[in-house]
Amino acid sequence: MDNGLSKEQQSANGLLTKRKGDWCELMAQAHYRQLGWWIYPKMSGPIDMVIINETTGEVRFIDPKAKGERKNTKTGGTKISRIVTHPLKDKLKIEIVYVDDDGNIEEAYGKGLEEWHKEFKVARNKNGQYNGRVEKK
């Protein structure tokens, strides 16, 4: 499939994407370090970092992703949700954390859709349509 870009432009875009991904990993590492976690960065495989809480010993598997919004679509402005696609996702609880352009961290809700609906509700406008604002129950 031809995307209309030269090989040089595709290569340059790939390099920018890799740099952004590396930056997101560093921002996530700094965030968790400030919260008192030991950080073990990715060596290889589907997990970008393993973090261990210094106090409790809790172990988490983290996959930082750049937070982005959809553009030029009907749903423009909505957050792009990413999922873990590696086969190990069924054996390990790999958590996605989103890093915005300012380096702020947003943890994805990891308990599943059914549990999410027990804890939260989404506000509706006067016509009964969802407005996207999340309200806690």
C-alpha atoms as a PDB file:
ATOM      1  CA  MET A   1       0.000   0.000   0.000  1.00  0.00           C
ATOM      2  CA  ASP A   2       1.394   3.387  -1.010  1.00  0.00           C
ATOM      3  CA  ASN A   3       0.949   6.216   1.491  1.00  0.00           C
ATOM      4  CA  GLY A   4       2.337   8.833  -0.874  1.00  0.00           C
ATOM      5  CA  LEU A   5       5.511   9.470   1.146  1.00  0.00           C
ATOM      6  CA  SER A   6       9.036   8.946  -0.077  1.00  0.00           C
ATOM      7  CA  LYS A   7      11.231   6.380   1.664  1.00  0.00           C
ATOM      8  CA  GLU A   8      13.247   9.254   3.159  1.00  0.00           C
ATOM      9  CA  GLN A   9      10.095  10.879   4.603  1.00  0.00           C
ATOM     10  CA  GLN A  10       8.841   7.557   5.976  1.00  0.00           C
ATOM     11  CA  SER A  11      12.235   6.987   7.597  1.00  0.00           C
ATOM     12  CA  ALA A  12      12.241  10.501   9.095  1.00  0.00           C
ATOM     13  CA  ASN A  13       8.693  10.010  10.446  1.00  0.00           C
ATOM     14  CA  GLY A  14       9.734   6.698  11.983  1.00  0.00           C
ATOM     15  CA  LEU A  15      12.689   8.336  13.720  1.00  0.00           C
ATOM     16  CA  LEU A  16      10.430  11.055  15.174  1.00  0.00           C
ATOM     17  CA  THR A  17       7.998   8.404  16.409  1.00  0.00           C
ATOM     18  CA  LYS A  18      10.815   6.471  18.097  1.00  0.00           C
ATOM     19  CA  ARG A  19      12.147   9.637  19.744  1.00  0.00           C
ATOM     20  CA  LYS A  20       8.690  10.503  21.054  1.00  0.00           C
ATOM     21  CA  GLY A  21       8.263   6.970  22.399  1.00  0.00           C
ATOM     22  CA  ASP A  22      11.650   7.098  24.134  1.00  0.00           C
ATOM     23  CA  TRP A  23      10.747  10.489  25.639  1.00  0.00           C
ATOM     24  CA  CYS A  24       7.409   9.103  26.909  1.00  0.00           C
ATOM     25  CA  GLU A  25       9.239   6.219  28.596  1.00  0.00           C
ATOM     26  CA  LEU A  26      11.642   8.646  30.308  1.00  0.00           C
ATOM     27  CA  MET A  27       8.764  10.840  31.519  1.00  0.00           C
ATOM     28  CA  ALA A  28       6.955   7.792  32.936  1.00  0.00           C
ATOM     29  CA  GLN A  29      10.140   6.589  34.635  1.00  0.00           C
ATOM     30  CA  ALA A  30      10.657  10.004  36.264  1.00  0.00           C
ATOM     31  CA  HIS A  31       7.015  10.094  37.386  1.00  0.00           C
ATOM     32  CA  TYR A  32       7.116   6.713  39.106  1.00  0.00           C
ATOM     33  CA  ARG A  33      10.555   7.377  40.609  1.00  0.00           C
ATOM     34  CA  GLN A  34       9.166  10.522  42.262  1.00  0.00           C
ATOM     35  CA  LEU A  35       6.338   8.409  43.703  1.00  0.00           C
ATOM     36  CA  GLY A  36       8.802   6.000  45.344  1.00  0.00           C
ATOM     37  CA  TRP A  37       9.004   3.172  42.816  1.00  0.00           C
ATOM     38  CA  TRP A  38      12.166   1.401  41.709  1.00  0.00           C
ATOM     39  CA  ILE A  39      12.408   1.480  37.926  1.00  0.00           C
ATOM     40  CA  TYR A  40      13.673  -1.348  35.725  1.00  0.00           C
ATOM     41  CA  PRO A  41      13.634  -0.152  32.095  1.00  0.00           C
ATOM     42  CA  LYS A  42      12.952  -2.377  29.123  1.00  0.00           C
ATOM     43  CA  MET A  43      15.681  -4.708  27.974  1.00  0.00           C
ATOM     44  CA  SER A  44      13.543  -6.587  25.433  1.00  0.00           C
ATOM     45  CA  GLY A  45      10.001  -7.878  25.032  1.00  0.00           C
ATOM     46  CA  PRO A  46       6.522  -6.345  25.310  1.00  0.00           C
ATOM     47  CA  ILE A  47       6.985  -4.556  28.665  1.00  0.00           C
ATOM     48  CA  ASP A  48       8.660  -1.138  28.557  1.00  0.00           C
ATOM     49  CA  MET A  49       9.401  -1.052  32.272  1.00  0.00           C
ATOM     50  CA  VAL A  50       8.919  -2.976  35.457  1.00  0.00           C
ATOM     51  CA  ILE A  51       8.331  -0.887  38.570  1.00  0.00           C
ATOM     52  CA  ILE A  52       8.505  -2.050  42.168  1.00  0.00           C
ATOM     53  CA  ASN A  53       7.157  -0.049  45.087  1.00  0.00           C
ATOM     54  CA  GLU A  54       9.969   0.571  47.587  1.00  0.00           C
ATOM     55  CA  THR A  55       7.601   0.315  50.560  1.00  0.00           C
ATOM     56  CA  THR A  56       5.073  -2.382  49.671  1.00  0.00           C
ATOM     57  CA  GLY A  57       7.022  -4.492  47.174  1.00  0.00           C
ATOM     58  CA  GLU A  58       4.138  -4.270  44.694  1.00  0.00           C
ATOM     59  CA  VAL A  59       5.281  -5.112  41.144  1.00  0.00           C
ATOM     60  CA  ARG A  60       3.713  -3.518  38.050  1.00  0.00           C
ATOM     61  CA  PHE A  61       4.406  -3.934  34.328  1.00  0.00           C
ATOM     62  CA  ILE A  62       4.126  -0.593  32.511  1.00  0.00           C
ATOM     63  CA  ASP A  63       3.827   0.292  28.809  1.00  0.00           C
ATOM     64  CA  PRO A  64       3.957   4.114  28.336  1.00  0.00           C
ATOM     65  CA  LYS A  65       2.216   5.520  25.261  1.00  0.00           C
ATOM     66  CA  ALA A  66       2.008   9.022  23.830  1.00  0.00           C
ATOM     67  CA  LYS A  67      -1.408  10.504  24.518  1.00  0.00           C
ATOM     68  CA  GLY A  68      -2.986  11.643  21.295  1.00  0.00           C
ATOM     69  CA  GLU A  69      -6.302  12.820  19.949  1.00  0.00           C
ATOM     70  CA  ARG A  70      -8.059  11.857  16.763  1.00  0.00           C
ATOM     71  CA  LYS A  71      -7.812  14.411  13.999  1.00  0.00           C
ATOM     72  CA  ASN A  72      -9.731  14.877  10.758  1.00  0.00           C
ATOM     73  CA  THR A  73     -12.423  12.346  11.669  1.00  0.00           C
ATOM     74  CA  LYS A  74     -16.049  12.445  12.867  1.00  0.00           C
ATOM     75  CA  THR A  75     -14.728  11.801  16.381  1.00  0.00           C
ATOM     76  CA  GLY A  76     -12.060  14.529  16.151  1.00  0.00           C
ATOM     77  CA  GLY A  77     -10.719  15.552  19.539  1.00  0.00           C
ATOM     78  CA  THR A  78     -11.445  12.243  21.278  1.00  0.00           C
ATOM     79  CA  LYS A  79      -8.556  10.414  22.937  1.00  0.00           C
ATOM     80  CA  ILE A  80      -6.903   7.611  20.981  1.00  0.00           C
ATOM     81  CA  SER A  81      -7.120   4.484  23.110  1.00  0.00           C
ATOM     82  CA  ARG A  82      -4.314   2.007  22.728  1.00  0.00           C
ATOM     83  CA  ILE A  83      -4.223  -1.627  23.766  1.00  0.00           C
ATOM     84  CA  VAL A  84      -1.535  -4.176  24.486  1.00  0.00           C
ATOM     85  CA  THR A  85      -1.463  -6.634  21.583  1.00  0.00           C
ATOM     86  CA  HIS A  86       1.323  -9.004  22.640  1.00  0.00           C
ATOM     87  CA  PRO A  87       0.225 -12.593  23.511  1.00  0.00           C
ATOM     88  CA  LEU A  88       1.661 -12.146  27.030  1.00  0.00           C
ATOM     89  CA  LYS A  89      -1.130  -9.656  27.789  1.00  0.00           C
ATOM     90  CA  ASP A  90      -3.313 -12.597  28.860  1.00  0.00           C
ATOM     91  CA  LYS A  91      -0.662 -13.901  31.274  1.00  0.00           C
ATOM     92  CA  LEU A  92       0.663 -10.616  32.655  1.00  0.00           C
ATOM     93  CA  LYS A  93      -1.223  -7.515  33.671  1.00  0.00           C
ATOM     94  CA  ILE A  94       0.531  -4.979  31.445  1.00  0.00           C
ATOM     95  CA  GLU A  95      -0.703  -1.469  32.241  1.00  0.00           C
ATOM     96  CA  ILE A  96      -0.766   1.354  29.707  1.00  0.00           C
ATOM     97  CA  VAL A  97       0.032   4.843  30.939  1.00  0.00           C
ATOM     98  CA  TYR A  98      -0.469   7.848  28.690  1.00  0.00           C
ATOM     99  CA  VAL A  99       2.051  10.707  28.529  1.00  0.00           C
ATOM    100  CA  ASP A 100       0.838  14.028  27.140  1.00  0.00           C
ATOM    101  CA  ASP A 101       2.978  16.573  25.287  1.00  0.00           C
ATOM    102  CA  ASP A 102       3.800  18.331  28.589  1.00  0.00           C
ATOM    103  CA  GLY A 103       5.050  15.120  30.229  1.00  0.00           C
ATOM    104  CA  ASN A 104       1.974  14.628  32.426  1.00  0.00           C
ATOM    105  CA  ILE A 105       1.059  11.025  33.191  1.00  0.00           C
ATOM    106  CA  GLU A 106      -2.463   9.578  32.941  1.00  0.00           C
ATOM    107  CA  GLU A 107      -2.977   5.996  34.018  1.00  0.00           C
ATOM    108  CA  ALA A 108      -5.491   3.979  32.025  1.00  0.00           C
ATOM    109  CA  TYR A 109      -8.275   2.258  33.949  1.00  0.00           C
ATOM    110  CA  GLY A 110      -7.102  -1.334  34.264  1.00  0.00           C
ATOM    111  CA  LYS A 111      -9.952  -3.165  35.996  1.00  0.00           C
ATOM    112  CA  GLY A 112     -12.074  -3.772  32.890  1.00  0.00           C
ATOM    113  CA  LEU A 113     -15.192  -2.210  31.392  1.00  0.00           C
ATOM    114  CA  GLU A 114     -17.653  -3.891  33.747  1.00  0.00           C
ATOM    115  CA  GLU A 115     -15.833  -2.598  36.857  1.00  0.00           C
ATOM    116  CA  TRP A 116     -15.474   0.854  35.273  1.00  0.00           C
ATOM    117  CA  HIS A 117     -19.263   1.118  34.930  1.00  0.00           C
ATOM    118  CA  LYS A 118     -19.636   0.231  38.622  1.00  0.00           C
ATOM    119  CA  GLU A 119     -17.333   3.083  39.671  1.00  0.00           C
ATOM    120  CA  PHE A 120     -18.142   5.841  37.165  1.00  0.00           C
ATOM    121  CA  LYS A 121     -20.926   7.287  35.100  1.00  0.00           C
ATOM    122  CA  VAL A 122     -20.792   9.525  32.032  1.00  0.00           C
ATOM    123  CA  ALA A 123     -22.787  12.758  32.103  1.00  0.00           C
ATOM    124  CA  ARG A 124     -25.526  13.401  29.571  1.00  0.00           C
ATOM    125  CA  ASN A 125     -26.718  16.645  28.020  1.00  0.00           C
ATOM    126  CA  LYS A 126     -30.324  17.905  28.198  1.00  0.00           C
ATOM    127  CA  ASN A 127     -31.243  15.668  25.229  1.00  0.00           C
ATOM    128  CA  GLY A 128     -29.990  12.559  27.012  1.00  0.00           C
ATOM    129  CA  GLN A 129     -26.873  12.205  24.858  1.00  0.00           C
ATOM    130  CA  TYR A 130     -23.503  11.420  26.414  1.00  0.00           C
ATOM    131  CA  ASN A 131     -21.368  14.544  26.607  1.00  0.00           C
ATOM    132  CA  GLY A 132     -18.086  12.777  27.418  1.00  0.00           C
ATOM    133  CA  ARG A 133     -17.671  14.239  30.919  1.00  0.00           C
ATOM    134  CA  VAL A 134     -16.993  11.477  33.414  1.00  0.00           C
ATOM    135  CA  GLU A 135     -18.622  11.761  36.814  1.00  0.00           C
ATOM    136  CA  LYS A 136     -17.781   9.535  39.718  1.00  0.00           C
ATOM    137  CA  LYS A 137     -20.713   7.624  41.211  1.00  0.00           C
END
